[in-house]
Amino acid sequence: MSGRPDRGIREFVFGTTREDLPRQLAFWQQLGFRECARGELAADASEQLYGHRAALTGCRLAHAGCETHGTGYVRLQAWERLRNDGLGT
């Protein structure tokens, strides 16, 4: 280790369904996050990138500390169809 702090963007990624995305955005907004970027992938592109053939909407969320320190971003990956149950409820 060189003693330098790590560089780069740090994100916490959470998977959800497209139908649940508005509820998830409202939850994170109550915690002080706001949407700062959004992107879409078609099913064939997400299969190449993630190995899961389903359309994907990705939303990056940030709060003031994210912009100051470049860490602590949240990314919501809203899938057309989830692969499995994940961690459950």
N, C-alpha and C. Protein backbone atom coordinates (compact mmCIF):
# COMPACT_ATOMS: atom_id res chain seq x y z
N MET A 1 0.83 -1.17 0.00
CA MET A 1 0.00 0.00 0.00
C MET A 1 0.88 1.25 0.00
N SER A 2 0.51 2.19 -0.80
CA SER A 2 1.32 3.38 -0.95
C SER A 2 0.95 4.48 0.04
N GLY A 3 -0.09 4.29 0.82
CA GLY A 3 -0.51 5.32 1.74
C GLY A 3 -1.47 6.33 1.11
N ARG A 4 -1.69 6.23 -0.20
CA ARG A 4 -2.63 7.11 -0.88
C ARG A 4 -4.04 6.57 -0.70
N PRO A 5 -5.01 7.44 -0.56
CA PRO A 5 -6.39 6.94 -0.49
C PRO A 5 -6.79 6.32 -1.82
N ASP A 6 -7.68 5.34 -1.75
CA ASP A 6 -8.21 4.74 -2.98
C ASP A 6 -8.91 5.82 -3.80
N ARG A 7 -8.83 5.66 -5.10
CA ARG A 7 -9.48 6.61 -5.99
C ARG A 7 -10.56 5.88 -6.79
N GLY A 8 -11.50 6.63 -7.27
CA GLY A 8 -12.55 6.06 -8.09
C GLY A 8 -13.90 6.18 -7.43
N ILE A 9 -14.91 5.81 -8.17
CA ILE A 9 -16.28 5.91 -7.69
C ILE A 9 -16.63 4.65 -6.91
N ARG A 10 -17.28 4.83 -5.79
CA ARG A 10 -17.76 3.71 -4.98
C ARG A 10 -19.27 3.75 -4.97
N GLU A 11 -19.89 2.60 -5.26
CA GLU A 11 -21.34 2.52 -5.32
C GLU A 11 -21.84 1.30 -4.56
N PHE A 12 -23.03 1.43 -4.03
CA PHE A 12 -23.78 0.30 -3.49
C PHE A 12 -24.86 0.02 -4.52
N VAL A 13 -24.97 -1.23 -4.98
CA VAL A 13 -25.90 -1.57 -6.05
C VAL A 13 -27.01 -2.45 -5.49
N PHE A 14 -28.25 -2.06 -5.81
CA PHE A 14 -29.42 -2.80 -5.36
C PHE A 14 -30.27 -3.14 -6.57
N GLY A 15 -30.68 -4.39 -6.67
CA GLY A 15 -31.56 -4.83 -7.75
C GLY A 15 -33.01 -4.73 -7.34
N THR A 16 -33.84 -4.35 -8.28
CA THR A 16 -35.28 -4.25 -8.06
C THR A 16 -35.98 -4.49 -9.39
N THR A 17 -37.28 -4.45 -9.38
CA THR A 17 -38.04 -4.57 -10.62
C THR A 17 -38.39 -3.18 -11.14
N ARG A 18 -38.69 -3.11 -12.41
CA ARG A 18 -39.10 -1.82 -12.99
C ARG A 18 -40.37 -1.31 -12.32
N GLU A 19 -41.27 -2.22 -11.96
CA GLU A 19 -42.52 -1.81 -11.33
C GLU A 19 -42.27 -1.19 -9.96
N ASP A 20 -41.24 -1.64 -9.25
CA ASP A 20 -40.96 -1.16 -7.90
C ASP A 20 -40.03 0.06 -7.88
N LEU A 21 -39.51 0.45 -9.03
CA LEU A 21 -38.55 1.55 -9.07
C LEU A 21 -39.08 2.86 -8.47
N PRO A 22 -40.31 3.30 -8.78
CA PRO A 22 -40.78 4.54 -8.17
C PRO A 22 -40.80 4.49 -6.64
N ARG A 23 -41.18 3.36 -6.06
CA ARG A 23 -41.19 3.21 -4.60
C ARG A 23 -39.78 3.26 -4.04
N GLN A 24 -38.84 2.61 -4.73
CA GLN A 24 -37.45 2.63 -4.29
C GLN A 24 -36.86 4.05 -4.36
N LEU A 25 -37.16 4.77 -5.43
CA LEU A 25 -36.67 6.14 -5.56
C LEU A 25 -37.22 7.02 -4.44
N ALA A 26 -38.49 6.85 -4.11
CA ALA A 26 -39.10 7.63 -3.03
C ALA A 26 -38.43 7.32 -1.69
N PHE A 27 -38.12 6.05 -1.44
CA PHE A 27 -37.45 5.65 -0.20
C PHE A 27 -36.09 6.33 -0.07
N TRP A 28 -35.27 6.24 -1.12
CA TRP A 28 -33.93 6.83 -1.07
C TRP A 28 -34.00 8.35 -0.99
N GLN A 29 -35.01 8.93 -1.60
CA GLN A 29 -35.18 10.38 -1.54
C GLN A 29 -35.43 10.83 -0.09
N GLN A 30 -36.16 10.05 0.68
CA GLN A 30 -36.39 10.36 2.09
C GLN A 30 -35.09 10.34 2.89
N LEU A 31 -34.09 9.63 2.41
CA LEU A 31 -32.79 9.56 3.08
C LEU A 31 -31.81 10.62 2.57
N GLY A 32 -32.28 11.52 1.71
CA GLY A 32 -31.45 12.61 1.23
C GLY A 32 -30.78 12.38 -0.10
N PHE A 33 -31.09 11.28 -0.78
CA PHE A 33 -30.51 11.00 -2.09
C PHE A 33 -31.38 11.60 -3.18
N ARG A 34 -30.75 11.92 -4.31
CA ARG A 34 -31.48 12.37 -5.49
C ARG A 34 -30.91 11.65 -6.70
N GLU A 35 -31.74 11.47 -7.70
CA GLU A 35 -31.29 10.81 -8.94
C GLU A 35 -30.39 11.76 -9.70
N CYS A 36 -29.19 11.30 -10.06
CA CYS A 36 -28.26 12.15 -10.79
C CYS A 36 -27.91 11.59 -12.17
N ALA A 37 -28.30 10.36 -12.45
CA ALA A 37 -28.06 9.78 -13.78
C ALA A 37 -28.99 8.59 -13.98
N ARG A 38 -29.36 8.36 -15.25
CA ARG A 38 -30.22 7.22 -15.58
C ARG A 38 -29.80 6.69 -16.94
N GLY A 39 -29.83 5.39 -17.09
CA GLY A 39 -29.50 4.76 -18.36
C GLY A 39 -30.34 3.52 -18.59
N GLU A 40 -30.40 3.09 -19.82
CA GLU A 40 -31.21 1.93 -20.21
C GLU A 40 -30.35 0.95 -20.99
N LEU A 41 -30.60 -0.33 -20.79
CA LEU A 41 -29.99 -1.37 -21.61
C LEU A 41 -31.09 -2.29 -22.12
N ALA A 42 -31.02 -2.64 -23.39
CA ALA A 42 -31.93 -3.64 -23.95
C ALA A 42 -31.51 -5.02 -23.42
N ALA A 43 -32.40 -5.98 -23.54
CA ALA A 43 -32.15 -7.32 -23.01
C ALA A 43 -30.87 -7.94 -23.56
N ASP A 44 -30.60 -7.79 -24.84
CA ASP A 44 -29.40 -8.40 -25.41
C ASP A 44 -28.12 -7.75 -24.86
N ALA A 45 -28.14 -6.45 -24.64
CA ALA A 45 -26.97 -5.76 -24.09
C ALA A 45 -26.75 -6.13 -22.63
N SER A 46 -27.82 -6.23 -21.84
CA SER A 46 -27.64 -6.60 -20.43
C SER A 46 -27.19 -8.06 -20.30
N GLU A 47 -27.58 -8.90 -21.24
CA GLU A 47 -27.10 -10.28 -21.22
C GLU A 47 -25.59 -10.32 -21.46
N GLN A 48 -25.10 -9.51 -22.38
CA GLN A 48 -23.66 -9.46 -22.64
C GLN A 48 -22.89 -8.92 -21.44
N LEU A 49 -23.44 -7.90 -20.80
CA LEU A 49 -22.75 -7.25 -19.69
C LEU A 49 -22.90 -7.99 -18.37
N TYR A 50 -24.12 -8.46 -18.07
CA TYR A 50 -24.41 -9.05 -16.76
C TYR A 50 -24.74 -10.54 -16.80
N GLY A 51 -24.91 -11.10 -18.00
CA GLY A 51 -25.26 -12.51 -18.10
C GLY A 51 -26.72 -12.80 -17.78
N HIS A 52 -27.56 -11.79 -17.84
CA HIS A 52 -28.99 -11.94 -17.55
C HIS A 52 -29.77 -11.25 -18.65
N ARG A 53 -30.55 -12.03 -19.38
CA ARG A 53 -31.28 -11.46 -20.53
C ARG A 53 -32.61 -10.86 -20.07
N ALA A 54 -32.56 -9.59 -19.73
CA ALA A 54 -33.74 -8.82 -19.35
C ALA A 54 -33.39 -7.34 -19.49
N ALA A 55 -34.33 -6.55 -19.97
CA ALA A 55 -34.09 -5.12 -20.10
C ALA A 55 -33.80 -4.53 -18.72
N LEU A 56 -32.98 -3.48 -18.70
CA LEU A 56 -32.51 -2.91 -17.45
C LEU A 56 -32.56 -1.39 -17.50
N THR A 57 -33.04 -0.79 -16.41
CA THR A 57 -32.94 0.65 -16.20
C THR A 57 -32.04 0.85 -14.99
N GLY A 58 -30.97 1.62 -15.15
CA GLY A 58 -30.06 1.89 -14.05
C GLY A 58 -30.18 3.34 -13.62
N CYS A 59 -30.33 3.56 -12.31
CA CYS A 59 -30.43 4.92 -11.76
C CYS A 59 -29.33 5.10 -10.72
N ARG A 60 -28.52 6.14 -10.90
CA ARG A 60 -27.51 6.48 -9.90
C ARG A 60 -28.10 7.55 -8.99
N LEU A 61 -27.94 7.35 -7.69
CA LEU A 61 -28.43 8.29 -6.69
C LEU A 61 -27.24 8.83 -5.91
N ALA A 62 -27.33 10.10 -5.54
CA ALA A 62 -26.24 10.74 -4.81
C ALA A 62 -26.82 11.63 -3.72
N HIS A 63 -25.97 11.96 -2.75
CA HIS A 63 -26.28 12.97 -1.74
C HIS A 63 -25.07 13.90 -1.67
N ALA A 64 -25.14 14.93 -0.87
CA ALA A 64 -24.07 15.93 -0.83
C ALA A 64 -22.71 15.31 -0.53
N GLY A 65 -22.63 14.34 0.34
CA GLY A 65 -21.35 13.70 0.67
C GLY A 65 -20.75 12.95 -0.49
N CYS A 66 -21.58 12.39 -1.35
CA CYS A 66 -21.10 11.69 -2.54
C CYS A 66 -20.30 12.64 -3.42
N GLU A 67 -20.86 13.79 -3.64
CA GLU A 67 -20.22 14.76 -4.52
C GLU A 67 -18.95 15.33 -3.91
N THR A 68 -18.93 15.47 -2.59
CA THR A 68 -17.75 16.00 -1.90
C THR A 68 -16.61 14.99 -1.89
N HIS A 69 -16.92 13.72 -1.63
CA HIS A 69 -15.89 12.70 -1.43
C HIS A 69 -15.78 11.69 -2.57
N GLY A 70 -16.73 11.69 -3.51
CA GLY A 70 -16.68 10.74 -4.63
C GLY A 70 -17.00 9.31 -4.22
N THR A 71 -17.66 9.14 -3.09
CA THR A 71 -18.03 7.80 -2.61
C THR A 71 -19.46 7.82 -2.09
N GLY A 72 -20.01 6.63 -1.87
CA GLY A 72 -21.32 6.53 -1.25
C GLY A 72 -22.50 6.63 -2.19
N TYR A 73 -22.25 6.52 -3.49
CA TYR A 73 -23.35 6.53 -4.44
C TYR A 73 -24.18 5.26 -4.29
N VAL A 74 -25.44 5.34 -4.66
CA VAL A 74 -26.33 4.18 -4.71
C VAL A 74 -26.76 4.02 -6.15
N ARG A 75 -26.73 2.79 -6.64
CA ARG A 75 -27.24 2.51 -7.99
C ARG A 75 -28.38 1.51 -7.85
N LEU A 76 -29.53 1.90 -8.39
CA LEU A 76 -30.67 0.98 -8.45
C LEU A 76 -30.70 0.38 -9.84
N GLN A 77 -30.67 -0.94 -9.91
CA GLN A 77 -30.79 -1.63 -11.18
C GLN A 77 -32.19 -2.23 -11.24
N ALA A 78 -33.03 -1.63 -12.06
CA ALA A 78 -34.43 -2.02 -12.17
C ALA A 78 -34.59 -2.92 -13.38
N TRP A 79 -34.80 -4.19 -13.12
CA TRP A 79 -34.87 -5.21 -14.17
C TRP A 79 -36.29 -5.43 -14.65
N GLU A 80 -36.41 -5.73 -15.92
CA GLU A 80 -37.69 -6.14 -16.50
C GLU A 80 -38.16 -7.43 -15.83
N ARG A 81 -37.20 -8.29 -15.51
CA ARG A 81 -37.49 -9.58 -14.87
C ARG A 81 -36.28 -9.94 -14.02
N LEU A 82 -36.51 -10.21 -12.74
CA LEU A 82 -35.40 -10.59 -11.85
C LEU A 82 -34.95 -12.02 -12.16
N ARG A 83 -33.70 -12.30 -11.93
CA ARG A 83 -33.13 -13.62 -12.17
C ARG A 83 -33.59 -14.62 -11.11
N ASN A 84 -33.65 -14.16 -9.85
CA ASN A 84 -34.03 -15.03 -8.74
C ASN A 84 -34.54 -14.17 -7.59
N ASP A 85 -34.69 -14.74 -6.41
CA ASP A 85 -35.25 -14.03 -5.27
C ASP A 85 -34.21 -13.18 -4.53
N GLY A 86 -32.95 -13.26 -4.92
CA GLY A 86 -31.91 -12.47 -4.24
C GLY A 86 -31.83 -12.82 -2.76
N LEU A 87 -31.75 -11.81 -1.92
CA LEU A 87 -31.68 -12.03 -0.48
C LEU A 87 -33.05 -12.19 0.14
N GLY A 88 -34.10 -12.04 -0.64
CA GLY A 88 -35.46 -12.15 -0.09
C GLY A 88 -35.88 -10.85 0.55
N THR A 89 -36.97 -10.91 1.26
CA THR A 89 -37.53 -9.70 1.88
C THR A 89 -36.96 -9.50 3.27
